[in-house]
Amino acid sequence: MAGGTPAANTLILLTRRLLSYVSPEWIAVFSNLYHSLRHALSPGAEQGMYEILDYDSTLDLKDIKGKTAVFERHQRVKFLQDHIIAFQDHAWGDGKIFAGYKISKGCAVDRYREGDRWNVLISLRETQSKGDIEDFYIERTVKNGFVQKEEWWQVEVWHRTHRLRLNLLFPKRRHCKRAVLHTRGGNKSVVLDRQHFHSLPNGRQLLRWEARNPRRAEIYTLRWQW
């Protein structure tokens, strides 16, 4: 610190001490917030930090009572800005919704509740630049979340998405009786017919629904009786 003024030296010491109490993950998050704010004020910011080339989400009901379920989500993401080193995941629903949580890239550094949902803050561990394409796999286990005769699953689209696919796996001894997909934006409900149901070799039943270029800020709710 030779050559600095007393005030500057004091500031450096205070900064170092403060940083010693902050984890590397949070330093990355703070850095990302700075860059996000800078980009939010720049031309073209309305396109967002990234777009989703492929969004494949699966809800696997592991038992006939709905006591254990696993969400598996694959997202192929193309980054639209530089200096991206963190992003958010979201979760909501009934039961113990964070009985387990895994992500293929990065690390979940914090989660907090906002209304009826939880936000998960994820540090990517490495900087992503404009044009980069990455695959993210998230697995989340839920306990006692689907124990009713009529249940629901909701997916929200907040980024430009090229393809969205929902897969719902039913146990061998408890198949779906009826399923309805509700689109909030158009206030429209559609009963899913036989073309959406598939019998698997192991006796389980797969319900699949797919959309191309879904509208941003759209909310899809899948309700079923089983």
C-alpha atoms as a PDB file:
ATOM      1  CA  MET A   1       0.000   0.000   0.000  1.00  0.00           C
ATOM      2  CA  ALA A   2       3.063   2.264  -0.222  1.00  0.00           C
ATOM      3  CA  GLY A   3       2.410   5.552  -1.958  1.00  0.00           C
ATOM      4  CA  GLY A   4      -1.332   5.705  -1.230  1.00  0.00           C
ATOM      5  CA  THR A   5      -3.066   8.305   0.874  1.00  0.00           C
ATOM      6  CA  PRO A   6      -4.224   7.301   4.374  1.00  0.00           C
ATOM      7  CA  ALA A   7      -7.845   7.472   3.228  1.00  0.00           C
ATOM      8  CA  ALA A   8      -7.134   5.273   0.203  1.00  0.00           C
ATOM      9  CA  ASN A   9      -5.193   2.778   2.299  1.00  0.00           C
ATOM     10  CA  THR A  10      -8.042   2.609   4.807  1.00  0.00           C
ATOM     11  CA  LEU A  11     -10.547   2.025   2.005  1.00  0.00           C
ATOM     12  CA  ILE A  12      -8.415  -0.792   0.594  1.00  0.00           C
ATOM     13  CA  LEU A  13      -8.159  -2.441   4.017  1.00  0.00           C
ATOM     14  CA  LEU A  14     -11.909  -2.165   4.569  1.00  0.00           C
ATOM     15  CA  THR A  15     -12.623  -3.562   1.106  1.00  0.00           C
ATOM     16  CA  ARG A  16     -10.332  -6.532   1.659  1.00  0.00           C
ATOM     17  CA  ARG A  17     -11.917  -7.224   5.041  1.00  0.00           C
ATOM     18  CA  LEU A  18     -15.425  -7.067   3.599  1.00  0.00           C
ATOM     19  CA  LEU A  19     -14.487  -9.384   0.737  1.00  0.00           C
ATOM     20  CA  SER A  20     -13.073 -11.893   3.221  1.00  0.00           C
ATOM     21  CA  TYR A  21     -16.618 -12.370   4.547  1.00  0.00           C
ATOM     22  CA  VAL A  22     -18.158 -12.816   1.110  1.00  0.00           C
ATOM     23  CA  SER A  23     -18.044 -16.163  -0.676  1.00  0.00           C
ATOM     24  CA  PRO A  24     -16.716 -16.364  -4.259  1.00  0.00           C
ATOM     25  CA  GLU A  25     -20.238 -17.267  -5.398  1.00  0.00           C
ATOM     26  CA  TRP A  26     -21.675 -14.020  -4.053  1.00  0.00           C
ATOM     27  CA  ILE A  27     -18.836 -11.984  -5.546  1.00  0.00           C
ATOM     28  CA  ALA A  28     -19.784 -13.510  -8.894  1.00  0.00           C
ATOM     29  CA  VAL A  29     -23.435 -12.709  -8.296  1.00  0.00           C
ATOM     30  CA  PHE A  30     -22.691  -9.071  -7.449  1.00  0.00           C
ATOM     31  CA  SER A  31     -20.560  -8.791 -10.564  1.00  0.00           C
ATOM     32  CA  ASN A  32     -23.357 -10.252 -12.653  1.00  0.00           C
ATOM     33  CA  LEU A  33     -25.862  -7.805 -11.187  1.00  0.00           C
ATOM     34  CA  TYR A  34     -23.615  -4.925 -12.209  1.00  0.00           C
ATOM     35  CA  HIS A  35     -23.321  -6.195 -15.776  1.00  0.00           C
ATOM     36  CA  SER A  36     -27.059  -6.942 -15.930  1.00  0.00           C
ATOM     37  CA  LEU A  37     -27.907  -3.384 -14.917  1.00  0.00           C
ATOM     38  CA  ARG A  38     -25.473  -2.020 -17.473  1.00  0.00           C
ATOM     39  CA  HIS A  39     -27.009  -4.121 -20.233  1.00  0.00           C
ATOM     40  CA  ALA A  40     -30.533  -3.236 -19.122  1.00  0.00           C
ATOM     41  CA  LEU A  41     -29.781   0.372 -20.022  1.00  0.00           C
ATOM     42  CA  SER A  42     -28.217  -0.443 -23.379  1.00  0.00           C
ATOM     43  CA  PRO A  43     -29.943  -0.738 -26.807  1.00  0.00           C
ATOM     44  CA  GLY A  44     -31.407  -4.180 -27.488  1.00  0.00           C
ATOM     45  CA  ALA A  45     -31.737  -5.029 -23.795  1.00  0.00           C
ATOM     46  CA  GLU A  46     -35.336  -6.106 -24.336  1.00  0.00           C
ATOM     47  CA  GLN A  47     -34.119  -9.368 -25.894  1.00  0.00           C
ATOM     48  CA  GLY A  48     -32.918 -10.552 -22.472  1.00  0.00           C
ATOM     49  CA  MET A  49     -29.743 -12.272 -21.329  1.00  0.00           C
ATOM     50  CA  TYR A  50     -30.418 -15.484 -23.249  1.00  0.00           C
ATOM     51  CA  GLU A  51     -32.881 -17.399 -25.395  1.00  0.00           C
ATOM     52  CA  ILE A  52     -33.880 -21.043 -25.043  1.00  0.00           C
ATOM     53  CA  LEU A  53     -33.347 -23.143 -28.144  1.00  0.00           C
ATOM     54  CA  ASP A  54     -34.830 -26.265 -26.583  1.00  0.00           C
ATOM     55  CA  TYR A  55     -36.831 -26.621 -23.348  1.00  0.00           C
ATOM     56  CA  ASP A  56     -37.614 -30.204 -22.323  1.00  0.00           C
ATOM     57  CA  SER A  57     -39.291 -30.658 -18.940  1.00  0.00           C
ATOM     58  CA  THR A  58     -40.312 -33.993 -17.392  1.00  0.00           C
ATOM     59  CA  LEU A  59     -42.337 -34.703 -14.268  1.00  0.00           C
ATOM     60  CA  ASP A  60     -41.812 -38.301 -13.144  1.00  0.00           C
ATOM     61  CA  LEU A  61     -44.408 -39.557 -10.640  1.00  0.00           C
ATOM     62  CA  LYS A  62     -42.476 -42.327  -8.917  1.00  0.00           C
ATOM     63  CA  ASP A  63     -45.267 -44.049  -6.962  1.00  0.00           C
ATOM     64  CA  ILE A  64     -49.034 -44.523  -7.088  1.00  0.00           C
ATOM     65  CA  LYS A  65     -49.639 -42.283  -4.068  1.00  0.00           C
ATOM     66  CA  GLY A  66     -47.725 -39.313  -5.447  1.00  0.00           C
ATOM     67  CA  LYS A  67     -45.426 -39.184  -2.433  1.00  0.00           C
ATOM     68  CA  THR A  68     -42.238 -38.930  -4.489  1.00  0.00           C
ATOM     69  CA  ALA A  69     -41.843 -37.077  -7.777  1.00  0.00           C
ATOM     70  CA  VAL A  70     -38.826 -35.885  -9.730  1.00  0.00           C
ATOM     71  CA  PHE A  71     -38.666 -32.902 -12.070  1.00  0.00           C
ATOM     72  CA  GLU A  72     -36.031 -33.238 -14.790  1.00  0.00           C
ATOM     73  CA  ARG A  73     -35.421 -30.267 -17.027  1.00  0.00           C
ATOM     74  CA  HIS A  74     -33.082 -29.840 -19.975  1.00  0.00           C
ATOM     75  CA  GLN A  75     -32.540 -26.393 -21.455  1.00  0.00           C
ATOM     76  CA  ARG A  76     -30.280 -25.601 -24.389  1.00  0.00           C
ATOM     77  CA  VAL A  77     -29.478 -21.929 -23.909  1.00  0.00           C
ATOM     78  CA  LYS A  78     -27.946 -19.386 -26.267  1.00  0.00           C
ATOM     79  CA  PHE A  79     -26.543 -16.339 -24.490  1.00  0.00           C
ATOM     80  CA  LEU A  80     -27.363 -12.951 -26.012  1.00  0.00           C
ATOM     81  CA  GLN A  81     -25.075 -10.783 -23.885  1.00  0.00           C
ATOM     82  CA  ASP A  82     -21.533 -10.844 -22.537  1.00  0.00           C
ATOM     83  CA  HIS A  83     -20.377 -11.254 -18.931  1.00  0.00           C
ATOM     84  CA  ILE A  84     -23.184 -13.596 -17.820  1.00  0.00           C
ATOM     85  CA  ILE A  85     -22.084 -15.587 -14.772  1.00  0.00           C
ATOM     86  CA  ALA A  86     -25.332 -16.192 -12.860  1.00  0.00           C
ATOM     87  CA  PHE A  87     -29.013 -16.799 -13.482  1.00  0.00           C
ATOM     88  CA  GLN A  88     -32.183 -17.774 -11.616  1.00  0.00           C
ATOM     89  CA  ASP A  89     -34.278 -20.906 -11.460  1.00  0.00           C
ATOM     90  CA  HIS A  90     -37.813 -20.928 -10.073  1.00  0.00           C
ATOM     91  CA  ALA A  91     -39.916 -23.518  -8.242  1.00  0.00           C
ATOM     92  CA  TRP A  92     -43.374 -23.625  -6.702  1.00  0.00           C
ATOM     93  CA  GLY A  93     -46.053 -26.135  -5.806  1.00  0.00           C
ATOM     94  CA  ASP A  94     -47.245 -28.324  -2.945  1.00  0.00           C
ATOM     95  CA  GLY A  95     -45.294 -30.537  -0.570  1.00  0.00           C
ATOM     96  CA  LYS A  96     -41.580 -30.417   0.158  1.00  0.00           C
ATOM     97  CA  ILE A  97     -40.456 -28.962  -3.163  1.00  0.00           C
ATOM     98  CA  PHE A  98     -36.711 -29.023  -2.421  1.00  0.00           C
ATOM     99  CA  ALA A  99     -36.297 -32.580  -1.142  1.00  0.00           C
ATOM    100  CA  GLY A 100     -33.414 -32.757  -3.620  1.00  0.00           C
ATOM    101  CA  TYR A 101     -31.797 -30.357  -6.091  1.00  0.00           C
ATOM    102  CA  LYS A 102     -29.041 -30.930  -8.652  1.00  0.00           C
ATOM    103  CA  ILE A 103     -27.737 -28.901 -11.574  1.00  0.00           C
ATOM    104  CA  SER A 104     -25.239 -30.008 -14.208  1.00  0.00           C
ATOM    105  CA  LYS A 105     -23.472 -26.649 -14.597  1.00  0.00           C
ATOM    106  CA  GLY A 106     -22.824 -24.117 -11.888  1.00  0.00           C
ATOM    107  CA  CYS A 107     -23.902 -24.183  -8.274  1.00  0.00           C
ATOM    108  CA  ALA A 108     -27.043 -23.118  -6.410  1.00  0.00           C
ATOM    109  CA  VAL A 109     -25.749 -20.463  -3.994  1.00  0.00           C
ATOM    110  CA  ASP A 110     -28.995 -19.167  -2.497  1.00  0.00           C
ATOM    111  CA  ARG A 111     -32.773 -19.464  -2.593  1.00  0.00           C
ATOM    112  CA  TYR A 112     -35.473 -17.163  -1.293  1.00  0.00           C
ATOM    113  CA  ARG A 113     -39.242 -17.034  -1.304  1.00  0.00           C
ATOM    114  CA  GLU A 114     -41.219 -14.429  -3.223  1.00  0.00           C
ATOM    115  CA  GLY A 115     -44.970 -14.816  -2.888  1.00  0.00           C
ATOM    116  CA  ASP A 116     -45.983 -18.385  -3.705  1.00  0.00           C
ATOM    117  CA  ARG A 117     -42.703 -19.296  -5.394  1.00  0.00           C
ATOM    118  CA  TRP A 118     -39.060 -19.858  -4.633  1.00  0.00           C
ATOM    119  CA  ASN A 119     -36.211 -18.275  -6.568  1.00  0.00           C
ATOM    120  CA  VAL A 120     -32.930 -20.182  -6.806  1.00  0.00           C
ATOM    121  CA  LEU A 121     -29.792 -18.154  -7.481  1.00  0.00           C
ATOM    122  CA  ILE A 122     -27.261 -20.125  -9.533  1.00  0.00           C
ATOM    123  CA  SER A 123     -23.623 -19.188 -10.057  1.00  0.00           C
ATOM    124  CA  LEU A 124     -22.378 -20.485 -13.420  1.00  0.00           C
ATOM    125  CA  ARG A 125     -18.756 -20.657 -12.182  1.00  0.00           C
ATOM    126  CA  GLU A 126     -17.528 -19.355 -15.525  1.00  0.00           C
ATOM    127  CA  THR A 127     -18.357 -16.354 -17.670  1.00  0.00           C
ATOM    128  CA  GLN A 128     -20.691 -16.815 -20.636  1.00  0.00           C
ATOM    129  CA  SER A 129     -20.385 -14.557 -23.674  1.00  0.00           C
ATOM    130  CA  LYS A 130     -22.754 -13.526 -26.445  1.00  0.00           C
ATOM    131  CA  GLY A 131     -23.269 -16.418 -28.861  1.00  0.00           C
ATOM    132  CA  ASP A 132     -22.253 -19.147 -26.398  1.00  0.00           C
ATOM    133  CA  ILE A 133     -24.539 -22.198 -26.320  1.00  0.00           C
ATOM    134  CA  GLU A 134     -24.764 -24.376 -23.214  1.00  0.00           C
ATOM    135  CA  ASP A 135     -26.893 -27.315 -22.075  1.00  0.00           C
ATOM    136  CA  PHE A 136     -28.276 -27.199 -18.543  1.00  0.00           C
ATOM    137  CA  TYR A 137     -29.787 -30.168 -16.719  1.00  0.00           C
ATOM    138  CA  ILE A 138     -31.689 -29.592 -13.493  1.00  0.00           C
ATOM    139  CA  GLU A 139     -33.164 -32.338 -11.305  1.00  0.00           C
ATOM    140  CA  ARG A 140     -35.461 -31.511  -8.392  1.00  0.00           C
ATOM    141  CA  THR A 141     -37.136 -34.014  -6.066  1.00  0.00           C
ATOM    142  CA  VAL A 142     -40.519 -33.297  -4.464  1.00  0.00           C
ATOM    143  CA  LYS A 143     -42.015 -35.131  -1.483  1.00  0.00           C
ATOM    144  CA  ASN A 144     -45.785 -35.327  -0.879  1.00  0.00           C
ATOM    145  CA  GLY A 145     -46.480 -32.911  -3.701  1.00  0.00           C
ATOM    146  CA  PHE A 146     -48.955 -34.910  -5.828  1.00  0.00           C
ATOM    147  CA  VAL A 147     -51.122 -36.797  -3.352  1.00  0.00           C
ATOM    148  CA  GLN A 148     -54.569 -35.704  -4.617  1.00  0.00           C
ATOM    149  CA  LYS A 149     -56.828 -37.379  -7.191  1.00  0.00           C
ATOM    150  CA  GLU A 150     -56.648 -34.208  -9.279  1.00  0.00           C
ATOM    151  CA  GLU A 151     -53.253 -32.545  -9.597  1.00  0.00           C
ATOM    152  CA  TRP A 152     -51.540 -29.803 -11.583  1.00  0.00           C
ATOM    153  CA  TRP A 153     -48.194 -28.773 -13.019  1.00  0.00           C
ATOM    154  CA  GLN A 154     -47.365 -25.272 -14.220  1.00  0.00           C
ATOM    155  CA  VAL A 155     -44.690 -23.971 -16.586  1.00  0.00           C
ATOM    156  CA  GLU A 156     -43.960 -20.315 -17.337  1.00  0.00           C
ATOM    157  CA  VAL A 157     -42.187 -18.944 -20.407  1.00  0.00           C
ATOM    158  CA  TRP A 158     -40.258 -15.737 -19.683  1.00  0.00           C
ATOM    159  CA  HIS A 159     -37.538 -15.952 -22.329  1.00  0.00           C
ATOM    160  CA  ARG A 160     -37.753 -16.371 -26.066  1.00  0.00           C
ATOM    161  CA  THR A 161     -38.178 -20.127 -26.514  1.00  0.00           C
ATOM    162  CA  HIS A 162     -37.995 -22.009 -29.798  1.00  0.00           C
ATOM    163  CA  ARG A 163     -39.418 -25.325 -28.595  1.00  0.00           C
ATOM    164  CA  LEU A 164     -41.195 -26.326 -25.397  1.00  0.00           C
ATOM    165  CA  ARG A 165     -41.978 -29.928 -24.499  1.00  0.00           C
ATOM    166  CA  LEU A 166     -43.744 -31.231 -21.391  1.00  0.00           C
ATOM    167  CA  ASN A 167     -43.513 -34.913 -20.419  1.00  0.00           C
ATOM    168  CA  LEU A 168     -45.555 -36.406 -17.586  1.00  0.00           C
ATOM    169  CA  LEU A 169     -44.757 -39.982 -16.513  1.00  0.00           C
ATOM    170  CA  PHE A 170     -47.376 -41.991 -14.615  1.00  0.00           C
ATOM    171  CA  PRO A 171     -46.727 -45.143 -12.535  1.00  0.00           C
ATOM    172  CA  LYS A 172     -47.468 -48.571 -13.978  1.00  0.00           C
ATOM    173  CA  ARG A 173     -50.439 -49.131 -11.674  1.00  0.00           C
ATOM    174  CA  ARG A 174     -51.940 -45.646 -11.813  1.00  0.00           C
ATOM    175  CA  HIS A 175     -52.451 -44.064 -15.208  1.00  0.00           C
ATOM    176  CA  CYS A 176     -53.995 -40.738 -16.158  1.00  0.00           C
ATOM    177  CA  LYS A 177     -57.778 -40.676 -16.624  1.00  0.00           C
ATOM    178  CA  ARG A 178     -58.146 -37.171 -18.020  1.00  0.00           C
ATOM    179  CA  ALA A 179     -55.837 -34.226 -18.711  1.00  0.00           C
ATOM    180  CA  VAL A 180     -56.536 -30.587 -19.570  1.00  0.00           C
ATOM    181  CA  LEU A 181     -54.023 -27.943 -20.656  1.00  0.00           C
ATOM    182  CA  HIS A 182     -54.871 -24.351 -19.779  1.00  0.00           C
ATOM    183  CA  THR A 183     -53.191 -21.382 -21.480  1.00  0.00           C
ATOM    184  CA  ARG A 184     -53.486 -18.281 -19.318  1.00  0.00           C
ATOM    185  CA  GLY A 185     -52.725 -15.703 -22.011  1.00  0.00           C
ATOM    186  CA  GLY A 186     -55.606 -16.792 -24.211  1.00  0.00           C
ATOM    187  CA  ASN A 187     -57.690 -18.032 -21.282  1.00  0.00           C
ATOM    188  CA  LYS A 188     -58.111 -21.278 -23.182  1.00  0.00           C
ATOM    189  CA  SER A 189     -58.444 -24.860 -21.937  1.00  0.00           C
ATOM    190  CA  VAL A 190     -57.983 -27.915 -24.148  1.00  0.00           C
ATOM    191  CA  VAL A 191     -58.682 -31.537 -23.246  1.00  0.00           C
ATOM    192  CA  LEU A 192     -55.675 -33.595 -24.346  1.00  0.00           C
ATOM    193  CA  ASP A 193     -56.742 -36.494 -26.550  1.00  0.00           C
ATOM    194  CA  ARG A 194     -55.214 -39.920 -27.219  1.00  0.00           C
ATOM    195  CA  GLN A 195     -52.458 -38.635 -29.474  1.00  0.00           C
ATOM    196  CA  HIS A 196     -50.782 -37.144 -26.387  1.00  0.00           C
ATOM    197  CA  PHE A 197     -50.720 -40.447 -24.474  1.00  0.00           C
ATOM    198  CA  HIS A 198     -48.159 -43.211 -24.991  1.00  0.00           C
ATOM    199  CA  SER A 199     -47.868 -46.666 -23.406  1.00  0.00           C
ATOM    200  CA  LEU A 200     -44.281 -47.563 -22.530  1.00  0.00           C
ATOM    201  CA  PRO A 201     -42.760 -51.085 -22.609  1.00  0.00           C
ATOM    202  CA  ASN A 202     -42.389 -51.109 -18.812  1.00  0.00           C
ATOM    203  CA  GLY A 203     -46.125 -50.548 -18.332  1.00  0.00           C
ATOM    204  CA  ARG A 204     -45.884 -46.874 -17.484  1.00  0.00           C
ATOM    205  CA  GLN A 205     -47.828 -44.140 -19.256  1.00  0.00           C
ATOM    206  CA  LEU A 206     -46.342 -41.026 -20.851  1.00  0.00           C
ATOM    207  CA  LEU A 207     -48.308 -37.843 -21.463  1.00  0.00           C
ATOM    208  CA  ARG A 208     -46.540 -35.483 -23.864  1.00  0.00           C
ATOM    209  CA  TRP A 209     -47.370 -31.998 -25.116  1.00  0.00           C
ATOM    210  CA  GLU A 210     -45.224 -29.773 -27.324  1.00  0.00           C
ATOM    211  CA  ALA A 211     -45.278 -26.191 -28.619  1.00  0.00           C
ATOM    212  CA  ARG A 212     -43.127 -24.302 -31.107  1.00  0.00           C
ATOM    213  CA  ASN A 213     -42.201 -20.680 -30.403  1.00  0.00           C
ATOM    214  CA  PRO A 214     -44.534 -20.191 -27.421  1.00  0.00           C
ATOM    215  CA  ARG A 215     -45.394 -16.614 -26.602  1.00  0.00           C
ATOM    216  CA  ARG A 216     -43.240 -14.893 -23.988  1.00  0.00           C
ATOM    217  CA  ALA A 217     -44.828 -14.390 -20.555  1.00  0.00           C
ATOM    218  CA  GLU A 218     -47.189 -17.290 -21.269  1.00  0.00           C
ATOM    219  CA  ILE A 219     -48.216 -19.617 -18.441  1.00  0.00           C
ATOM    220  CA  TYR A 220     -49.240 -23.209 -19.131  1.00  0.00           C
ATOM    221  CA  THR A 221     -51.068 -25.250 -16.500  1.00  0.00           C
ATOM    222  CA  LEU A 222     -51.510 -28.983 -16.970  1.00  0.00           C
ATOM    223  CA  ARG A 223     -54.254 -30.506 -14.800  1.00  0.00           C
ATOM    224  CA  TRP A 224     -54.984 -34.201 -14.628  1.00  0.00           C
ATOM    225  CA  GLN A 225     -57.093 -36.806 -12.861  1.00  0.00           C
ATOM    226  CA  TRP A 226     -55.520 -40.139 -12.019  1.00  0.00           C
END
